mmCIF file of all heavy atoms, coordinates in Angstrom:
data_MODEL
# 
_entry.id   MODEL 
# 
loop_
_atom_site.group_PDB 
_atom_site.id 
_atom_site.type_symbol 
_atom_site.label_atom_id 
_atom_site.label_alt_id 
_atom_site.label_comp_id 
_atom_site.label_asym_id 
_atom_site.label_entity_id 
_atom_site.label_seq_id 
_atom_site.pdbx_PDB_ins_code 
_atom_site.Cartn_x 
_atom_site.Cartn_y 
_atom_site.Cartn_z 
_atom_site.occupancy 
_atom_site.B_iso_or_equiv 
_atom_site.pdbx_formal_charge 
_atom_site.auth_seq_id 
_atom_site.auth_comp_id 
_atom_site.auth_asym_id 
_atom_site.auth_atom_id 
_atom_site.pdbx_PDB_model_num 
ATOM 1   N N   . GLU A 1 1  ? -14.873 -5.457  -7.360  1.00 0.00 ? 1  GLU A N   1 
ATOM 2   C CA  . GLU A 1 1  ? -13.851 -5.183  -6.341  1.00 0.00 ? 1  GLU A CA  1 
ATOM 3   C C   . GLU A 1 1  ? -12.985 -4.021  -6.789  1.00 0.00 ? 1  GLU A C   1 
ATOM 4   O O   . GLU A 1 1  ? -12.355 -4.050  -7.828  1.00 0.00 ? 1  GLU A O   1 
ATOM 5   C CB  . GLU A 1 1  ? -12.943 -6.418  -6.135  1.00 0.00 ? 1  GLU A CB  1 
ATOM 6   C CG  . GLU A 1 1  ? -11.909 -6.209  -5.074  1.00 0.00 ? 1  GLU A CG  1 
ATOM 7   C CD  . GLU A 1 1  ? -10.952 -7.378  -4.952  1.00 0.00 ? 1  GLU A CD  1 
ATOM 8   O OE1 . GLU A 1 1  ? -11.032 -8.354  -5.734  1.00 0.00 ? 1  GLU A OE1 1 
ATOM 9   O OE2 . GLU A 1 1  ? -10.089 -7.285  -4.069  1.00 0.00 ? 1  GLU A OE2 1 
ATOM 10  N N   . PHE A 1 2  ? -13.004 -2.954  -5.958  1.00 0.00 ? 2  PHE A N   1 
ATOM 11  C CA  . PHE A 1 2  ? -12.233 -1.775  -6.264  1.00 0.00 ? 2  PHE A CA  1 
ATOM 12  C C   . PHE A 1 2  ? -10.793 -1.977  -5.737  1.00 0.00 ? 2  PHE A C   1 
ATOM 13  O O   . PHE A 1 2  ? -10.606 -2.293  -4.580  1.00 0.00 ? 2  PHE A O   1 
ATOM 14  C CB  . PHE A 1 2  ? -12.864 -0.546  -5.559  1.00 0.00 ? 2  PHE A CB  1 
ATOM 15  C CG  . PHE A 1 2  ? -12.387 0.756   -6.081  1.00 0.00 ? 2  PHE A CG  1 
ATOM 16  C CD1 . PHE A 1 2  ? -12.961 1.349   -7.209  1.00 0.00 ? 2  PHE A CD1 1 
ATOM 17  C CD2 . PHE A 1 2  ? -11.341 1.420   -5.466  1.00 0.00 ? 2  PHE A CD2 1 
ATOM 18  C CE1 . PHE A 1 2  ? -12.530 2.572   -7.680  1.00 0.00 ? 2  PHE A CE1 1 
ATOM 19  C CE2 . PHE A 1 2  ? -10.877 2.652   -5.951  1.00 0.00 ? 2  PHE A CE2 1 
ATOM 20  C CZ  . PHE A 1 2  ? -11.472 3.212   -7.061  1.00 0.00 ? 2  PHE A CZ  1 
ATOM 21  N N   . VAL A 1 3  ? -9.808  -1.817  -6.622  1.00 0.00 ? 3  VAL A N   1 
ATOM 22  C CA  . VAL A 1 3  ? -8.418  -2.066  -6.281  1.00 0.00 ? 3  VAL A CA  1 
ATOM 23  C C   . VAL A 1 3  ? -7.581  -0.824  -6.555  1.00 0.00 ? 3  VAL A C   1 
ATOM 24  O O   . VAL A 1 3  ? -7.746  -0.200  -7.608  1.00 0.00 ? 3  VAL A O   1 
ATOM 25  C CB  . VAL A 1 3  ? -7.840  -3.257  -7.084  1.00 0.00 ? 3  VAL A CB  1 
ATOM 26  C CG1 . VAL A 1 3  ? -6.375  -3.502  -6.796  1.00 0.00 ? 3  VAL A CG1 1 
ATOM 27  C CG2 . VAL A 1 3  ? -8.638  -4.512  -6.833  1.00 0.00 ? 3  VAL A CG2 1 
ATOM 28  N N   . LYS A 1 4  ? -6.660  -0.477  -5.662  1.00 0.00 ? 4  LYS A N   1 
ATOM 29  C CA  . LYS A 1 4  ? -5.690  0.582   -5.905  1.00 0.00 ? 4  LYS A CA  1 
ATOM 30  C C   . LYS A 1 4  ? -4.446  -0.060  -6.409  1.00 0.00 ? 4  LYS A C   1 
ATOM 31  O O   . LYS A 1 4  ? -3.771  -0.771  -5.676  1.00 0.00 ? 4  LYS A O   1 
ATOM 32  C CB  . LYS A 1 4  ? -5.428  1.345   -4.599  1.00 0.00 ? 4  LYS A CB  1 
ATOM 33  C CG  . LYS A 1 4  ? -6.568  2.209   -4.140  1.00 0.00 ? 4  LYS A CG  1 
ATOM 34  C CD  . LYS A 1 4  ? -6.155  3.024   -2.930  1.00 0.00 ? 4  LYS A CD  1 
ATOM 35  C CE  . LYS A 1 4  ? -7.246  3.969   -2.548  1.00 0.00 ? 4  LYS A CE  1 
ATOM 36  N NZ  . LYS A 1 4  ? -7.080  5.318   -3.037  1.00 0.00 ? 4  LYS A NZ  1 
ATOM 37  N N   . TYR A 1 5  ? -4.128  0.132   -7.695  1.00 0.00 ? 5  TYR A N   1 
ATOM 38  C CA  . TYR A 1 5  ? -2.968  -0.474  -8.309  1.00 0.00 ? 5  TYR A CA  1 
ATOM 39  C C   . TYR A 1 5  ? -1.682  0.339   -8.002  1.00 0.00 ? 5  TYR A C   1 
ATOM 40  O O   . TYR A 1 5  ? -0.606  -0.211  -7.979  1.00 0.00 ? 5  TYR A O   1 
ATOM 41  C CB  . TYR A 1 5  ? -3.158  -0.597  -9.826  1.00 0.00 ? 5  TYR A CB  1 
ATOM 42  C CG  . TYR A 1 5  ? -4.313  -1.511  -10.146 1.00 0.00 ? 5  TYR A CG  1 
ATOM 43  C CD1 . TYR A 1 5  ? -5.483  -1.045  -10.739 1.00 0.00 ? 5  TYR A CD1 1 
ATOM 44  C CD2 . TYR A 1 5  ? -4.224  -2.891  -9.886  1.00 0.00 ? 5  TYR A CD2 1 
ATOM 45  C CE1 . TYR A 1 5  ? -6.515  -1.890  -11.025 1.00 0.00 ? 5  TYR A CE1 1 
ATOM 46  C CE2 . TYR A 1 5  ? -5.259  -3.753  -10.173 1.00 0.00 ? 5  TYR A CE2 1 
ATOM 47  C CZ  . TYR A 1 5  ? -6.434  -3.243  -10.746 1.00 0.00 ? 5  TYR A CZ  1 
ATOM 48  O OH  . TYR A 1 5  ? -7.447  -4.072  -11.012 1.00 0.00 ? 5  TYR A OH  1 
ATOM 49  N N   . SER A 1 6  ? -1.843  1.642   -7.840  1.00 0.00 ? 6  SER A N   1 
ATOM 50  C CA  . SER A 1 6  ? -0.689  2.471   -7.407  1.00 0.00 ? 6  SER A CA  1 
ATOM 51  C C   . SER A 1 6  ? -1.229  3.631   -6.594  1.00 0.00 ? 6  SER A C   1 
ATOM 52  O O   . SER A 1 6  ? -2.227  4.234   -7.001  1.00 0.00 ? 6  SER A O   1 
ATOM 53  C CB  . SER A 1 6  ? 0.103   2.965   -8.611  1.00 0.00 ? 6  SER A CB  1 
ATOM 54  O OG  . SER A 1 6  ? -0.647  3.913   -9.341  1.00 0.00 ? 6  SER A OG  1 
ATOM 55  N N   . MET A 1 7  ? -0.570  3.896   -5.503  1.00 0.00 ? 7  MET A N   1 
ATOM 56  C CA  . MET A 1 7  ? -1.025  5.019   -4.658  1.00 0.00 ? 7  MET A CA  1 
ATOM 57  C C   . MET A 1 7  ? -0.508  6.325   -5.253  1.00 0.00 ? 7  MET A C   1 
ATOM 58  O O   . MET A 1 7  ? 0.383   6.348   -6.085  1.00 0.00 ? 7  MET A O   1 
ATOM 59  C CB  . MET A 1 7  ? -0.436  4.831   -3.241  1.00 0.00 ? 7  MET A CB  1 
ATOM 60  C CG  . MET A 1 7  ? -0.907  3.558   -2.547  1.00 0.00 ? 7  MET A CG  1 
ATOM 61  S SD  . MET A 1 7  ? -2.683  3.488   -2.321  1.00 0.00 ? 7  MET A SD  1 
ATOM 62  C CE  . MET A 1 7  ? -2.849  4.522   -0.860  1.00 0.00 ? 7  MET A CE  1 
ATOM 63  N N   . ARG A 1 8  ? -1.032  7.426   -4.753  1.00 0.00 ? 8  ARG A N   1 
ATOM 64  C CA  . ARG A 1 8  ? -0.652  8.730   -5.271  1.00 0.00 ? 8  ARG A CA  1 
ATOM 65  C C   . ARG A 1 8  ? 0.877   8.955   -5.141  1.00 0.00 ? 8  ARG A C   1 
ATOM 66  O O   . ARG A 1 8  ? 1.464   9.555   -6.004  1.00 0.00 ? 8  ARG A O   1 
ATOM 67  C CB  . ARG A 1 8  ? -1.390  9.827   -4.514  1.00 0.00 ? 8  ARG A CB  1 
ATOM 68  C CG  . ARG A 1 8  ? -2.850  9.964   -4.928  1.00 0.00 ? 8  ARG A CG  1 
ATOM 69  C CD  . ARG A 1 8  ? -3.514  11.066  -4.134  1.00 0.00 ? 8  ARG A CD  1 
ATOM 70  N NE  . ARG A 1 8  ? -3.267  12.369  -4.694  1.00 0.00 ? 8  ARG A NE  1 
ATOM 71  C CZ  . ARG A 1 8  ? -3.990  12.911  -5.670  1.00 0.00 ? 8  ARG A CZ  1 
ATOM 72  N NH1 . ARG A 1 8  ? -5.021  12.259  -6.188  1.00 0.00 ? 8  ARG A NH1 1 
ATOM 73  N NH2 . ARG A 1 8  ? -3.740  14.091  -6.136  1.00 0.00 ? 8  ARG A NH2 1 
ATOM 74  N N   . ASP A 1 9  ? 1.452   8.496   -4.041  1.00 0.00 ? 9  ASP A N   1 
ATOM 75  C CA  . ASP A 1 9  ? 2.868   8.783   -3.859  1.00 0.00 ? 9  ASP A CA  1 
ATOM 76  C C   . ASP A 1 9  ? 3.780   7.734   -4.504  1.00 0.00 ? 9  ASP A C   1 
ATOM 77  O O   . ASP A 1 9  ? 5.003   7.848   -4.433  1.00 0.00 ? 9  ASP A O   1 
ATOM 78  C CB  . ASP A 1 9  ? 3.230   8.926   -2.409  1.00 0.00 ? 9  ASP A CB  1 
ATOM 79  C CG  . ASP A 1 9  ? 3.027   7.622   -1.593  1.00 0.00 ? 9  ASP A CG  1 
ATOM 80  O OD1 . ASP A 1 9  ? 2.677   6.574   -2.198  1.00 0.00 ? 9  ASP A OD1 1 
ATOM 81  O OD2 . ASP A 1 9  ? 3.230   7.657   -0.378  1.00 0.00 ? 9  ASP A OD2 1 
ATOM 82  N N   . GLY A 1 10 ? 3.194   6.717   -5.153  1.00 0.00 ? 10 GLY A N   1 
ATOM 83  C CA  . GLY A 1 10 ? 4.007   5.769   -5.894  1.00 0.00 ? 10 GLY A CA  1 
ATOM 84  C C   . GLY A 1 10 ? 4.744   4.781   -5.025  1.00 0.00 ? 10 GLY A C   1 
ATOM 85  O O   . GLY A 1 10 ? 5.475   3.916   -5.509  1.00 0.00 ? 10 GLY A O   1 
ATOM 86  N N   . LYS A 1 11 ? 4.578   4.821   -3.688  1.00 0.00 ? 11 LYS A N   1 
ATOM 87  C CA  . LYS A 1 11 ? 5.345   3.980   -2.804  1.00 0.00 ? 11 LYS A CA  1 
ATOM 88  C C   . LYS A 1 11 ? 4.745   2.560   -2.664  1.00 0.00 ? 11 LYS A C   1 
ATOM 89  O O   . LYS A 1 11 ? 5.458   1.628   -2.327  1.00 0.00 ? 11 LYS A O   1 
ATOM 90  C CB  . LYS A 1 11 ? 5.478   4.595   -1.414  1.00 0.00 ? 11 LYS A CB  1 
ATOM 91  C CG  . LYS A 1 11 ? 6.426   5.754   -1.384  1.00 0.00 ? 11 LYS A CG  1 
ATOM 92  C CD  . LYS A 1 11 ? 6.535   6.280   0.032   1.00 0.00 ? 11 LYS A CD  1 
ATOM 93  C CE  . LYS A 1 11 ? 7.484   7.479   0.069   1.00 0.00 ? 11 LYS A CE  1 
ATOM 94  N NZ  . LYS A 1 11 ? 7.518   8.099   1.414   1.00 0.00 ? 11 LYS A NZ  1 
ATOM 95  N N   . GLU A 1 12 ? 3.423   2.460   -2.811  1.00 0.00 ? 12 GLU A N   1 
ATOM 96  C CA  . GLU A 1 12 ? 2.805   1.140   -2.526  1.00 0.00 ? 12 GLU A CA  1 
ATOM 97  C C   . GLU A 1 12 ? 3.164   0.149   -3.627  1.00 0.00 ? 12 GLU A C   1 
ATOM 98  O O   . GLU A 1 12 ? 2.957   0.409   -4.793  1.00 0.00 ? 12 GLU A O   1 
ATOM 99  C CB  . GLU A 1 12 ? 1.285   1.306   -2.452  1.00 0.00 ? 12 GLU A CB  1 
ATOM 100 C CG  . GLU A 1 12 ? 0.626   -0.024  -2.131  1.00 0.00 ? 12 GLU A CG  1 
ATOM 101 C CD  . GLU A 1 12 ? -0.878  0.043   -2.167  1.00 0.00 ? 12 GLU A CD  1 
ATOM 102 O OE1 . GLU A 1 12 ? -1.423  0.910   -2.831  1.00 0.00 ? 12 GLU A OE1 1 
ATOM 103 O OE2 . GLU A 1 12 ? -1.514  -0.801  -1.518  1.00 0.00 ? 12 GLU A OE2 1 
ATOM 104 N N   . ILE A 1 13 ? 3.688   -0.957  -3.197  1.00 0.00 ? 13 ILE A N   1 
ATOM 105 C CA  . ILE A 1 13 ? 3.900   -2.066  -4.140  1.00 0.00 ? 13 ILE A CA  1 
ATOM 106 C C   . ILE A 1 13 ? 3.213   -3.266  -3.466  1.00 0.00 ? 13 ILE A C   1 
ATOM 107 O O   . ILE A 1 13 ? 3.739   -3.803  -2.507  1.00 0.00 ? 13 ILE A O   1 
ATOM 108 C CB  . ILE A 1 13 ? 5.403   -2.352  -4.328  1.00 0.00 ? 13 ILE A CB  1 
ATOM 109 C CG1 . ILE A 1 13 ? 6.049   -1.134  -4.967  1.00 0.00 ? 13 ILE A CG1 1 
ATOM 110 C CG2 . ILE A 1 13 ? 5.590   -3.563  -5.206  1.00 0.00 ? 13 ILE A CG2 1 
ATOM 111 C CD1 . ILE A 1 13 ? 7.558   -1.238  -5.151  1.00 0.00 ? 13 ILE A CD1 1 
ATOM 112 N N   . ASN A 1 14 ? 2.048   -3.591  -3.934  1.00 0.00 ? 14 ASN A N   1 
ATOM 113 C CA  . ASN A 1 14 ? 1.324   -4.699  -3.280  1.00 0.00 ? 14 ASN A CA  1 
ATOM 114 C C   . ASN A 1 14 ? 1.109   -5.836  -4.282  1.00 0.00 ? 14 ASN A C   1 
ATOM 115 O O   . ASN A 1 14 ? 1.360   -5.701  -5.490  1.00 0.00 ? 14 ASN A O   1 
ATOM 116 C CB  . ASN A 1 14 ? -0.007  -4.220  -2.695  1.00 0.00 ? 14 ASN A CB  1 
ATOM 117 C CG  . ASN A 1 14 ? -0.944  -3.662  -3.746  1.00 0.00 ? 14 ASN A CG  1 
ATOM 118 O OD1 . ASN A 1 14 ? -1.019  -4.147  -4.850  1.00 0.00 ? 14 ASN A OD1 1 
ATOM 119 N ND2 . ASN A 1 14 ? -1.700  -2.673  -3.404  1.00 0.00 ? 14 ASN A ND2 1 
ATOM 120 N N   . PHE A 1 15 ? 0.655   -6.959  -3.784  1.00 0.00 ? 15 PHE A N   1 
ATOM 121 C CA  . PHE A 1 15 ? 0.498   -8.135  -4.657  1.00 0.00 ? 15 PHE A CA  1 
ATOM 122 C C   . PHE A 1 15 ? -0.537  -7.937  -5.717  1.00 0.00 ? 15 PHE A C   1 
ATOM 123 O O   . PHE A 1 15 ? -0.365  -8.381  -6.836  1.00 0.00 ? 15 PHE A O   1 
ATOM 124 C CB  . PHE A 1 15 ? 0.117   -9.379  -3.780  1.00 0.00 ? 15 PHE A CB  1 
ATOM 125 C CG  . PHE A 1 15 ? 1.259   -9.813  -2.889  1.00 0.00 ? 15 PHE A CG  1 
ATOM 126 C CD1 . PHE A 1 15 ? 1.164   -9.684  -1.512  1.00 0.00 ? 15 PHE A CD1 1 
ATOM 127 C CD2 . PHE A 1 15 ? 2.431   -10.314 -3.451  1.00 0.00 ? 15 PHE A CD2 1 
ATOM 128 C CE1 . PHE A 1 15 ? 2.227   -10.076 -0.704  1.00 0.00 ? 15 PHE A CE1 1 
ATOM 129 C CE2 . PHE A 1 15 ? 3.498   -10.675 -2.654  1.00 0.00 ? 15 PHE A CE2 1 
ATOM 130 C CZ  . PHE A 1 15 ? 3.391   -10.572 -1.270  1.00 0.00 ? 15 PHE A CZ  1 
ATOM 131 N N   . LEU A 1 16 ? -1.641  -7.216  -5.396  1.00 0.00 ? 16 LEU A N   1 
ATOM 132 C CA  . LEU A 1 16 ? -2.668  -6.999  -6.411  1.00 0.00 ? 16 LEU A CA  1 
ATOM 133 C C   . LEU A 1 16 ? -2.117  -6.210  -7.594  1.00 0.00 ? 16 LEU A C   1 
ATOM 134 O O   . LEU A 1 16 ? -2.460  -6.425  -8.728  1.00 0.00 ? 16 LEU A O   1 
ATOM 135 C CB  . LEU A 1 16 ? -3.865  -6.275  -5.805  1.00 0.00 ? 16 LEU A CB  1 
ATOM 136 C CG  . LEU A 1 16 ? -4.741  -7.129  -4.866  1.00 0.00 ? 16 LEU A CG  1 
ATOM 137 C CD1 . LEU A 1 16 ? -5.740  -6.251  -4.136  1.00 0.00 ? 16 LEU A CD1 1 
ATOM 138 C CD2 . LEU A 1 16 ? -5.448  -8.218  -5.667  1.00 0.00 ? 16 LEU A CD2 1 
ATOM 139 N N   . ARG A 1 17 ? -1.230  -5.285  -7.286  1.00 0.00 ? 17 ARG A N   1 
ATOM 140 C CA  . ARG A 1 17 ? -0.650  -4.490  -8.334  1.00 0.00 ? 17 ARG A CA  1 
ATOM 141 C C   . ARG A 1 17 ? 0.400   -5.270  -9.100  1.00 0.00 ? 17 ARG A C   1 
ATOM 142 O O   . ARG A 1 17 ? 0.423   -5.304  -10.319 1.00 0.00 ? 17 ARG A O   1 
ATOM 143 C CB  . ARG A 1 17 ? -0.003  -3.246  -7.734  1.00 0.00 ? 17 ARG A CB  1 
ATOM 144 C CG  . ARG A 1 17 ? 0.760   -2.428  -8.733  1.00 0.00 ? 17 ARG A CG  1 
ATOM 145 C CD  . ARG A 1 17 ? 1.346   -1.205  -8.116  1.00 0.00 ? 17 ARG A CD  1 
ATOM 146 N NE  . ARG A 1 17 ? 2.206   -0.565  -9.071  1.00 0.00 ? 17 ARG A NE  1 
ATOM 147 C CZ  . ARG A 1 17 ? 3.223   0.174   -8.820  1.00 0.00 ? 17 ARG A CZ  1 
ATOM 148 N NH1 . ARG A 1 17 ? 3.555   0.409   -7.576  1.00 0.00 ? 17 ARG A NH1 1 
ATOM 149 N NH2 . ARG A 1 17 ? 3.932   0.709   -9.749  1.00 0.00 ? 17 ARG A NH2 1 
ATOM 150 N N   . ARG A 1 18 ? 1.278   -5.928  -8.378  1.00 0.00 ? 18 ARG A N   1 
ATOM 151 C CA  . ARG A 1 18 ? 2.433   -6.594  -9.010  1.00 0.00 ? 18 ARG A CA  1 
ATOM 152 C C   . ARG A 1 18 ? 2.060   -7.839  -9.735  1.00 0.00 ? 18 ARG A C   1 
ATOM 153 O O   . ARG A 1 18 ? 2.583   -8.141  -10.786 1.00 0.00 ? 18 ARG A O   1 
ATOM 154 C CB  . ARG A 1 18 ? 3.478   -6.860  -7.943  1.00 0.00 ? 18 ARG A CB  1 
ATOM 155 C CG  . ARG A 1 18 ? 4.814   -7.350  -8.520  1.00 0.00 ? 18 ARG A CG  1 
ATOM 156 C CD  . ARG A 1 18 ? 5.785   -7.643  -7.433  1.00 0.00 ? 18 ARG A CD  1 
ATOM 157 N NE  . ARG A 1 18 ? 5.305   -8.785  -6.654  1.00 0.00 ? 18 ARG A NE  1 
ATOM 158 C CZ  . ARG A 1 18 ? 5.554   -8.982  -5.383  1.00 0.00 ? 18 ARG A CZ  1 
ATOM 159 N NH1 . ARG A 1 18 ? 6.265   -8.148  -4.716  1.00 0.00 ? 18 ARG A NH1 1 
ATOM 160 N NH2 . ARG A 1 18 ? 5.065   -10.032 -4.748  1.00 0.00 ? 18 ARG A NH2 1 
ATOM 161 N N   . ASP A 1 19 ? 1.150   -8.638  -9.180  1.00 0.00 ? 19 ASP A N   1 
ATOM 162 C CA  . ASP A 1 19 ? 0.862   -9.960  -9.703  1.00 0.00 ? 19 ASP A CA  1 
ATOM 163 C C   . ASP A 1 19 ? -0.332  -10.078 -10.617 1.00 0.00 ? 19 ASP A C   1 
ATOM 164 O O   . ASP A 1 19 ? -0.457  -11.008 -11.387 1.00 0.00 ? 19 ASP A O   1 
ATOM 165 C CB  . ASP A 1 19 ? 0.745   -10.973 -8.544  1.00 0.00 ? 19 ASP A CB  1 
ATOM 166 C CG  . ASP A 1 19 ? 2.041   -11.120 -7.768  1.00 0.00 ? 19 ASP A CG  1 
ATOM 167 O OD1 . ASP A 1 19 ? 3.099   -10.755 -8.337  1.00 0.00 ? 19 ASP A OD1 1 
ATOM 168 O OD2 . ASP A 1 19 ? 1.982   -11.598 -6.650  1.00 0.00 ? 19 ASP A OD2 1 
ATOM 169 N N   . SER A 1 20 ? -1.253  -9.127  -10.532 1.00 0.00 ? 20 SER A N   1 
ATOM 170 C CA  . SER A 1 20 ? -2.463  -9.241  -11.410 1.00 0.00 ? 20 SER A CA  1 
ATOM 171 C C   . SER A 1 20 ? -2.139  -8.698  -12.792 1.00 0.00 ? 20 SER A C   1 
ATOM 172 O O   . SER A 1 20 ? -1.279  -7.838  -13.004 1.00 0.00 ? 20 SER A O   1 
ATOM 173 C CB  . SER A 1 20 ? -3.615  -8.470  -10.773 1.00 0.00 ? 20 SER A CB  1 
ATOM 174 O OG  . SER A 1 20 ? -3.398  -7.055  -10.933 1.00 0.00 ? 20 SER A OG  1 
ATOM 175 N N   . GLU A 1 21 ? -2.909  -9.167  -13.768 1.00 0.00 ? 21 GLU A N   1 
ATOM 176 C CA  . GLU A 1 21 ? -2.753  -8.693  -15.129 1.00 0.00 ? 21 GLU A CA  1 
ATOM 177 C C   . GLU A 1 21 ? -3.049  -7.202  -15.210 1.00 0.00 ? 21 GLU A C   1 
ATOM 178 O O   . GLU A 1 21 ? -2.304  -6.415  -15.809 1.00 0.00 ? 21 GLU A O   1 
ATOM 179 C CB  . GLU A 1 21 ? -3.698  -9.475  -16.049 1.00 0.00 ? 21 GLU A CB  1 
ATOM 180 C CG  . GLU A 1 21 ? -3.627  -9.010  -17.483 1.00 0.00 ? 21 GLU A CG  1 
ATOM 181 C CD  . GLU A 1 21 ? -4.621  -9.712  -18.397 1.00 0.00 ? 21 GLU A CD  1 
ATOM 182 O OE1 . GLU A 1 21 ? -5.190  -10.748 -17.982 1.00 0.00 ? 21 GLU A OE1 1 
ATOM 183 O OE2 . GLU A 1 21 ? -4.809  -9.256  -19.533 1.00 0.00 ? 21 GLU A OE2 1 
ATOM 184 N N   . ALA A 1 22 ? -4.147  -6.783  -14.561 1.00 0.00 ? 22 ALA A N   1 
ATOM 185 C CA  . ALA A 1 22 ? -4.522  -5.358  -14.567 1.00 0.00 ? 22 ALA A CA  1 
ATOM 186 C C   . ALA A 1 22 ? -3.417  -4.533  -13.922 1.00 0.00 ? 22 ALA A C   1 
ATOM 187 O O   . ALA A 1 22 ? -3.037  -3.465  -14.427 1.00 0.00 ? 22 ALA A O   1 
ATOM 188 C CB  . ALA A 1 22 ? -5.844  -5.136  -13.872 1.00 0.00 ? 22 ALA A CB  1 
ATOM 189 N N   . GLY A 1 23 ? -2.894  -5.012  -12.808 1.00 0.00 ? 23 GLY A N   1 
ATOM 190 C CA  . GLY A 1 23 ? -1.834  -4.254  -12.113 1.00 0.00 ? 23 GLY A CA  1 
ATOM 191 C C   . GLY A 1 23 ? -0.570  -4.098  -12.934 1.00 0.00 ? 23 GLY A C   1 
ATOM 192 O O   . GLY A 1 23 ? 0.021   -3.023  -13.035 1.00 0.00 ? 23 GLY A O   1 
ATOM 193 N N   . GLN A 1 24 ? -0.178  -5.204  -13.609 1.00 0.00 ? 24 GLN A N   1 
ATOM 194 C CA  . GLN A 1 24 ? 1.028   -5.122  -14.468 1.00 0.00 ? 24 GLN A CA  1 
ATOM 195 C C   . GLN A 1 24 ? 0.788   -4.199  -15.643 1.00 0.00 ? 24 GLN A C   1 
ATOM 196 O O   . GLN A 1 24 ? 1.675   -3.452  -16.022 1.00 0.00 ? 24 GLN A O   1 
ATOM 197 C CB  . GLN A 1 24 ? 1.393   -6.535  -14.956 1.00 0.00 ? 24 GLN A CB  1 
ATOM 198 C CG  . GLN A 1 24 ? 1.956   -7.408  -13.867 1.00 0.00 ? 24 GLN A CG  1 
ATOM 199 C CD  . GLN A 1 24 ? 2.404   -8.748  -14.396 1.00 0.00 ? 24 GLN A CD  1 
ATOM 200 O OE1 . GLN A 1 24 ? 2.672   -8.929  -15.563 1.00 0.00 ? 24 GLN A OE1 1 
ATOM 201 N NE2 . GLN A 1 24 ? 2.465   -9.735  -13.492 1.00 0.00 ? 24 GLN A NE2 1 
# 
């Protein structure tokens, strides 16, 4: 599963980024 942890502009804050170990 391909996941975007942070978008280019830094604005996206999503659950996959915030809550997953890889995202953190």
